[in-house]
Amino acid sequence: MCGTGCKTRRPAPKSISGWRQVVTRRVSNMTATSQTEEDEHLADIEDGCGCAEVWEHMSEQRND
């Protein structure tokens, strides 16, 4: 942390492999349960559906 209490940031990676490591690290830090809880409202939507189907599903849930 810096003197003001903020977390210091690492410099941005300069290569694709550097970015790949950053993304992999961030994804591996995510927990499966938190991801599941956040996406629970989308459980009934089929993989690969478009935004119109998502909006329709969300609208139907609001009416219930």
PDB file of N, CA and C in Angstrom:
ATOM      1  N   MET A   1       0.840  -1.187   0.000  1.00  0.00           N
ATOM      2  CA  MET A   1       0.000   0.000   0.000  1.00  0.00           C
ATOM      3  C   MET A   1       0.876   1.238   0.000  1.00  0.00           C
ATOM      4  N   CYS A   2       0.359   2.273  -0.598  1.00  0.00           N
ATOM      5  CA  CYS A   2       1.106   3.524  -0.605  1.00  0.00           C
ATOM      6  C   CYS A   2       0.795   4.305   0.671  1.00  0.00           C
ATOM      7  N   GLY A   3       1.406   5.440   0.851  1.00  0.00           N
ATOM      8  CA  GLY A   3       1.247   6.226   2.066  1.00  0.00           C
ATOM      9  C   GLY A   3      -0.167   6.716   2.315  1.00  0.00           C
ATOM     10  N   THR A   4      -1.006   6.777   1.272  1.00  0.00           N
ATOM     11  CA  THR A   4      -2.373   7.264   1.445  1.00  0.00           C
ATOM     12  C   THR A   4      -3.366   6.149   1.721  1.00  0.00           C
ATOM     13  N   GLY A   5      -2.879   4.914   1.815  1.00  0.00           N
ATOM     14  CA  GLY A   5      -3.755   3.788   2.111  1.00  0.00           C
ATOM     15  C   GLY A   5      -4.303   3.089   0.882  1.00  0.00           C
ATOM     16  N   CYS A   6      -3.979   3.559  -0.316  1.00  0.00           N
ATOM     17  CA  CYS A   6      -4.458   2.900  -1.527  1.00  0.00           C
ATOM     18  C   CYS A   6      -3.524   1.761  -1.911  1.00  0.00           C
ATOM     19  N   LYS A   7      -4.065   0.786  -2.589  1.00  0.00           N
ATOM     20  CA  LYS A   7      -3.235  -0.317  -3.060  1.00  0.00           C
ATOM     21  C   LYS A   7      -2.459   0.150  -4.285  1.00  0.00           C
ATOM     22  N   THR A   8      -1.198  -0.179  -4.319  1.00  0.00           N
ATOM     23  CA  THR A   8      -0.415   0.172  -5.498  1.00  0.00           C
ATOM     24  C   THR A   8      -0.683  -0.846  -6.589  1.00  0.00           C
ATOM     25  N   ARG A   9      -0.701  -0.401  -7.822  1.00  0.00           N
ATOM     26  CA  ARG A   9      -0.976  -1.279  -8.948  1.00  0.00           C
ATOM     27  C   ARG A   9       0.314  -1.672  -9.623  1.00  0.00           C
ATOM     28  N   ARG A  10       0.322  -2.874 -10.139  1.00  0.00           N
ATOM     29  CA  ARG A  10       1.454  -3.334 -10.927  1.00  0.00           C
ATOM     30  C   ARG A  10       1.383  -2.682 -12.299  1.00  0.00           C
ATOM     31  N   PRO A  11       2.515  -2.492 -12.941  1.00  0.00           N
ATOM     32  CA  PRO A  11       2.469  -1.958 -14.304  1.00  0.00           C
ATOM     33  C   PRO A  11       1.794  -2.957 -15.242  1.00  0.00           C
ATOM     34  N   ALA A  12       1.165  -2.448 -16.284  1.00  0.00           N
ATOM     35  CA  ALA A  12       0.471  -3.308 -17.243  1.00  0.00           C
ATOM     36  C   ALA A  12       1.465  -4.195 -17.981  1.00  0.00           C
ATOM     37  N   PRO A  13       1.096  -5.449 -18.223  1.00  0.00           N
ATOM     38  CA  PRO A  13       1.976  -6.340 -18.985  1.00  0.00           C
ATOM     39  C   PRO A  13       2.196  -5.801 -20.393  1.00  0.00           C
ATOM     40  N   LYS A  14       3.359  -6.064 -20.944  1.00  0.00           N
ATOM     41  CA  LYS A  14       3.693  -5.553 -22.270  1.00  0.00           C
ATOM     42  C   LYS A  14       3.558  -6.602 -23.356  1.00  0.00           C
ATOM     43  N   SER A  15       3.200  -7.826 -22.997  1.00  0.00           N
ATOM     44  CA  SER A  15       3.079  -8.880 -23.999  1.00  0.00           C
ATOM     45  C   SER A  15       1.774  -9.642 -23.803  1.00  0.00           C
ATOM     46  N   ILE A  16       1.393 -10.376 -24.840  1.00  0.00           N
ATOM     47  CA  ILE A  16       0.185 -11.201 -24.764  1.00  0.00           C
ATOM     48  C   ILE A  16       0.312 -12.241 -23.657  1.00  0.00           C
ATOM     49  N   SER A  17       1.473 -12.871 -23.550  1.00  0.00           N
ATOM     50  CA  SER A  17       1.639 -13.888 -22.504  1.00  0.00           C
ATOM     51  C   SER A  17       1.534 -13.263 -21.117  1.00  0.00           C
ATOM     52  N   GLY A  18       1.987 -12.020 -20.980  1.00  0.00           N
ATOM     53  CA  GLY A  18       1.849 -11.321 -19.703  1.00  0.00           C
ATOM     54  C   GLY A  18       0.393 -11.087 -19.352  1.00  0.00           C
ATOM     55  N   TRP A  19      -0.395 -10.666 -20.356  1.00  0.00           N
ATOM     56  CA  TRP A  19      -1.825 -10.460 -20.127  1.00  0.00           C
ATOM     57  C   TRP A  19      -2.517 -11.779 -19.829  1.00  0.00           C
ATOM     58  N   ARG A  20      -2.103 -12.845 -20.511  1.00  0.00           N
ATOM     59  CA  ARG A  20      -2.691 -14.162 -20.277  1.00  0.00           C
ATOM     60  C   ARG A  20      -2.480 -14.582 -18.827  1.00  0.00           C
ATOM     61  N   GLN A  21      -1.312 -14.306 -18.288  1.00  0.00           N
ATOM     62  CA  GLN A  21      -1.028 -14.649 -16.890  1.00  0.00           C
ATOM     63  C   GLN A  21      -1.913 -13.848 -15.945  1.00  0.00           C
ATOM     64  N   VAL A  22      -2.113 -12.564 -16.250  1.00  0.00           N
ATOM     65  CA  VAL A  22      -2.961 -11.719 -15.404  1.00  0.00           C
ATOM     66  C   VAL A  22      -4.391 -12.244 -15.404  1.00  0.00           C
ATOM     67  N   VAL A  23      -4.920 -12.525 -16.584  1.00  0.00           N
ATOM     68  CA  VAL A  23      -6.295 -13.012 -16.690  1.00  0.00           C
ATOM     69  C   VAL A  23      -6.439 -14.364 -16.006  1.00  0.00           C
ATOM     70  N   THR A  24      -5.494 -15.257 -16.227  1.00  0.00           N
ATOM     71  CA  THR A  24      -5.538 -16.578 -15.595  1.00  0.00           C
ATOM     72  C   THR A  24      -5.525 -16.447 -14.084  1.00  0.00           C
ATOM     73  N   ARG A  25      -4.693 -15.562 -13.563  1.00  0.00           N
ATOM     74  CA  ARG A  25      -4.613 -15.361 -12.116  1.00  0.00           C
ATOM     75  C   ARG A  25      -5.944 -14.842 -11.585  1.00  0.00           C
ATOM     76  N   ARG A  26      -6.536 -13.873 -12.277  1.00  0.00           N
ATOM     77  CA  ARG A  26      -7.800 -13.309 -11.806  1.00  0.00           C
ATOM     78  C   ARG A  26      -8.927 -14.331 -11.854  1.00  0.00           C
ATOM     79  N   VAL A  27      -8.981 -15.115 -12.928  1.00  0.00           N
ATOM     80  CA  VAL A  27     -10.024 -16.130 -13.045  1.00  0.00           C
ATOM     81  C   VAL A  27      -9.838 -17.208 -11.987  1.00  0.00           C
ATOM     82  N   SER A  28      -8.606 -17.613 -11.741  1.00  0.00           N
ATOM     83  CA  SER A  28      -8.376 -18.652 -10.739  1.00  0.00           C
ATOM     84  C   SER A  28      -8.697 -18.155  -9.336  1.00  0.00           C
ATOM     85  N   ASN A  29      -8.691 -16.846  -9.125  1.00  0.00           N
ATOM     86  CA  ASN A  29      -9.041 -16.292  -7.819  1.00  0.00           C
ATOM     87  C   ASN A  29     -10.551 -16.226  -7.599  1.00  0.00           C
ATOM     88  N   MET A  30     -11.327 -16.387  -8.671  1.00  0.00           N
ATOM     89  CA  MET A  30     -12.779 -16.367  -8.541  1.00  0.00           C
ATOM     90  C   MET A  30     -13.234 -17.691  -7.954  1.00  0.00           C
ATOM     91  N   THR A  31     -14.260 -17.648  -7.143  1.00  0.00           N
ATOM     92  CA  THR A  31     -14.781 -18.888  -6.574  1.00  0.00           C
ATOM     93  C   THR A  31     -15.986 -19.343  -7.379  1.00  0.00           C
ATOM     94  N   ALA A  32     -16.148 -20.627  -7.490  1.00  0.00           N
ATOM     95  CA  ALA A  32     -17.271 -21.180  -8.247  1.00  0.00           C
ATOM     96  C   ALA A  32     -18.598 -20.797  -7.604  1.00  0.00           C
ATOM     97  N   THR A  33     -18.658 -20.748  -6.286  1.00  0.00           N
ATOM     98  CA  THR A  33     -19.913 -20.418  -5.619  1.00  0.00           C
ATOM     99  C   THR A  33     -20.312 -18.977  -5.872  1.00  0.00           C
ATOM    100  N   SER A  34     -19.371 -18.052  -5.831  1.00  0.00           N
ATOM    101  CA  SER A  34     -19.735 -16.660  -6.065  1.00  0.00           C
ATOM    102  C   SER A  34     -20.203 -16.469  -7.497  1.00  0.00           C
ATOM    103  N   GLN A  35     -19.576 -17.153  -8.435  1.00  0.00           N
ATOM    104  CA  GLN A  35     -19.983 -17.070  -9.831  1.00  0.00           C
ATOM    105  C   GLN A  35     -21.390 -17.641  -9.991  1.00  0.00           C
ATOM    106  N   THR A  36     -21.670 -18.755  -9.338  1.00  0.00           N
ATOM    107  CA  THR A  36     -22.979 -19.391  -9.432  1.00  0.00           C
ATOM    108  C   THR A  36     -24.048 -18.503  -8.821  1.00  0.00           C
ATOM    109  N   GLU A  37     -23.782 -17.923  -7.672  1.00  0.00           N
ATOM    110  CA  GLU A  37     -24.750 -17.054  -7.013  1.00  0.00           C
ATOM    111  C   GLU A  37     -25.051 -15.826  -7.859  1.00  0.00           C
ATOM    112  N   GLU A  38     -24.031 -15.256  -8.482  1.00  0.00           N
ATOM    113  CA  GLU A  38     -24.230 -14.070  -9.305  1.00  0.00           C
ATOM    114  C   GLU A  38     -25.036 -14.378 -10.557  1.00  0.00           C
ATOM    115  N   ASP A  39     -24.930 -15.586 -11.087  1.00  0.00           N
ATOM    116  CA  ASP A  39     -25.581 -15.958 -12.335  1.00  0.00           C
ATOM    117  C   ASP A  39     -26.867 -16.749 -12.130  1.00  0.00           C
ATOM    118  N   GLU A  40     -27.299 -16.890 -10.895  1.00  0.00           N
ATOM    119  CA  GLU A  40     -28.449 -17.728 -10.588  1.00  0.00           C
ATOM    120  C   GLU A  40     -29.704 -17.293 -11.343  1.00  0.00           C
ATOM    121  N   HIS A  41     -29.911 -15.997 -11.516  1.00  0.00           N
ATOM    122  CA  HIS A  41     -31.097 -15.496 -12.202  1.00  0.00           C
ATOM    123  C   HIS A  41     -31.092 -15.818 -13.698  1.00  0.00           C
ATOM    124  N   LEU A  42     -29.959 -16.307 -14.219  1.00  0.00           N
ATOM    125  CA  LEU A  42     -29.856 -16.665 -15.634  1.00  0.00           C
ATOM    126  C   LEU A  42     -29.875 -18.175 -15.854  1.00  0.00           C
ATOM    127  N   ALA A  43     -30.174 -18.943 -14.824  1.00  0.00           N
ATOM    128  CA  ALA A  43     -30.086 -20.405 -14.899  1.00  0.00           C
ATOM    129  C   ALA A  43     -31.017 -21.002 -15.945  1.00  0.00           C
ATOM    130  N   ASP A  44     -32.174 -20.396 -16.183  1.00  0.00           N
ATOM    131  CA  ASP A  44     -33.152 -20.950 -17.121  1.00  0.00           C
ATOM    132  C   ASP A  44     -32.888 -20.563 -18.573  1.00  0.00           C
ATOM    133  N   ILE A  45     -31.896 -19.731 -18.813  1.00  0.00           N
ATOM    134  CA  ILE A  45     -31.596 -19.277 -20.172  1.00  0.00           C
ATOM    135  C   ILE A  45     -30.600 -20.235 -20.810  1.00  0.00           C
ATOM    136  N   GLU A  46     -30.887 -20.639 -22.050  1.00  0.00           N
ATOM    137  CA  GLU A  46     -30.003 -21.565 -22.748  1.00  0.00           C
ATOM    138  C   GLU A  46     -28.703 -20.879 -23.147  1.00  0.00           C
ATOM    139  N   ASP A  47     -27.611 -21.630 -23.113  1.00  0.00           N
ATOM    140  CA  ASP A  47     -26.331 -21.112 -23.579  1.00  0.00           C
ATOM    141  C   ASP A  47     -26.443 -20.746 -25.049  1.00  0.00           C
ATOM    142  N   GLY A  48     -25.889 -19.619 -25.413  1.00  0.00           N
ATOM    143  CA  GLY A  48     -25.861 -19.198 -26.806  1.00  0.00           C
ATOM    144  C   GLY A  48     -27.061 -18.382 -27.240  1.00  0.00           C
ATOM    145  N   CYS A  49     -28.019 -18.132 -26.357  1.00  0.00           N
ATOM    146  CA  CYS A  49     -29.166 -17.328 -26.773  1.00  0.00           C
ATOM    147  C   CYS A  49     -28.743 -15.870 -26.916  1.00  0.00           C
ATOM    148  N   GLY A  50     -29.530 -15.121 -27.624  1.00  0.00           N
ATOM    149  CA  GLY A  50     -29.188 -13.724 -27.889  1.00  0.00           C
ATOM    150  C   GLY A  50     -29.726 -12.784 -26.832  1.00  0.00           C
ATOM    151  N   CYS A  51     -29.421 -11.507 -27.008  1.00  0.00           N
ATOM    152  CA  CYS A  51     -29.817 -10.510 -26.009  1.00  0.00           C
ATOM    153  C   CYS A  51     -31.334 -10.369 -25.923  1.00  0.00           C
ATOM    154  N   ALA A  52     -32.049 -10.564 -27.038  1.00  0.00           N
ATOM    155  CA  ALA A  52     -33.512 -10.457 -27.000  1.00  0.00           C
ATOM    156  C   ALA A  52     -34.100 -11.519 -26.074  1.00  0.00           C
ATOM    157  N   GLU A  53     -33.568 -12.731 -26.145  1.00  0.00           N
ATOM    158  CA  GLU A  53     -34.050 -13.801 -25.269  1.00  0.00           C
ATOM    159  C   GLU A  53     -33.736 -13.501 -23.807  1.00  0.00           C
ATOM    160  N   VAL A  54     -32.583 -12.924 -23.549  1.00  0.00           N
ATOM    161  CA  VAL A  54     -32.221 -12.564 -22.174  1.00  0.00           C
ATOM    162  C   VAL A  54     -33.173 -11.495 -21.657  1.00  0.00           C
ATOM    163  N   TRP A  55     -33.433 -10.461 -22.461  1.00  0.00           N
ATOM    164  CA  TRP A  55     -34.346  -9.397 -22.049  1.00  0.00           C
ATOM    165  C   TRP A  55     -35.747  -9.948 -21.797  1.00  0.00           C
ATOM    166  N   GLU A  56     -36.214 -10.834 -22.677  1.00  0.00           N
ATOM    167  CA  GLU A  56     -37.536 -11.425 -22.510  1.00  0.00           C
ATOM    168  C   GLU A  56     -37.613 -12.209 -21.201  1.00  0.00           C
ATOM    169  N   HIS A  57     -36.593 -13.001 -20.933  1.00  0.00           N
ATOM    170  CA  HIS A  57     -36.549 -13.793 -19.699  1.00  0.00           C
ATOM    171  C   HIS A  57     -36.558 -12.878 -18.473  1.00  0.00           C
ATOM    172  N   MET A  58     -35.744 -11.836 -18.507  1.00  0.00           N
ATOM    173  CA  MET A  58     -35.677 -10.913 -17.368  1.00  0.00           C
ATOM    174  C   MET A  58     -37.014 -10.200 -17.171  1.00  0.00           C
ATOM    175  N   SER A  59     -37.669  -9.839 -18.266  1.00  0.00           N
ATOM    176  CA  SER A  59     -38.964  -9.177 -18.187  1.00  0.00           C
ATOM    177  C   SER A  59     -40.010 -10.098 -17.570  1.00  0.00           C
ATOM    178  N   GLU A  60     -40.004 -11.361 -17.976  1.00  0.00           N
ATOM    179  CA  GLU A  60     -40.944 -12.331 -17.412  1.00  0.00           C
ATOM    180  C   GLU A  60     -40.711 -12.524 -15.920  1.00  0.00           C
ATOM    181  N   GLN A  61     -39.458 -12.536 -15.492  1.00  0.00           N
ATOM    182  CA  GLN A  61     -39.159 -12.696 -14.066  1.00  0.00           C
ATOM    183  C   GLN A  61     -39.653 -11.496 -13.270  1.00  0.00           C
ATOM    184  N   ARG A  62     -39.568 -10.295 -13.846  1.00  0.00           N
ATOM    185  CA  ARG A  62     -40.034  -9.093 -13.151  1.00  0.00           C
ATOM    186  C   ARG A  62     -41.538  -9.130 -12.943  1.00  0.00           C
ATOM    187  N   ASN A  63     -42.263  -9.710 -13.891  1.00  0.00           N
ATOM    188  CA  ASN A  63     -43.722  -9.769 -13.804  1.00  0.00           C
ATOM    189  C   ASN A  63     -44.203 -10.787 -12.785  1.00  0.00           C
ATOM    190  N   ASP A  64     -43.363 -11.753 -12.435  1.00  0.00           N
ATOM    191  CA  ASP A  64     -43.773 -12.810 -11.490  1.00  0.00           C
ATOM    192  C   ASP A  64     -43.830 -12.335 -10.078  1.00  0.00           C
TER     193      ASP A  64
END
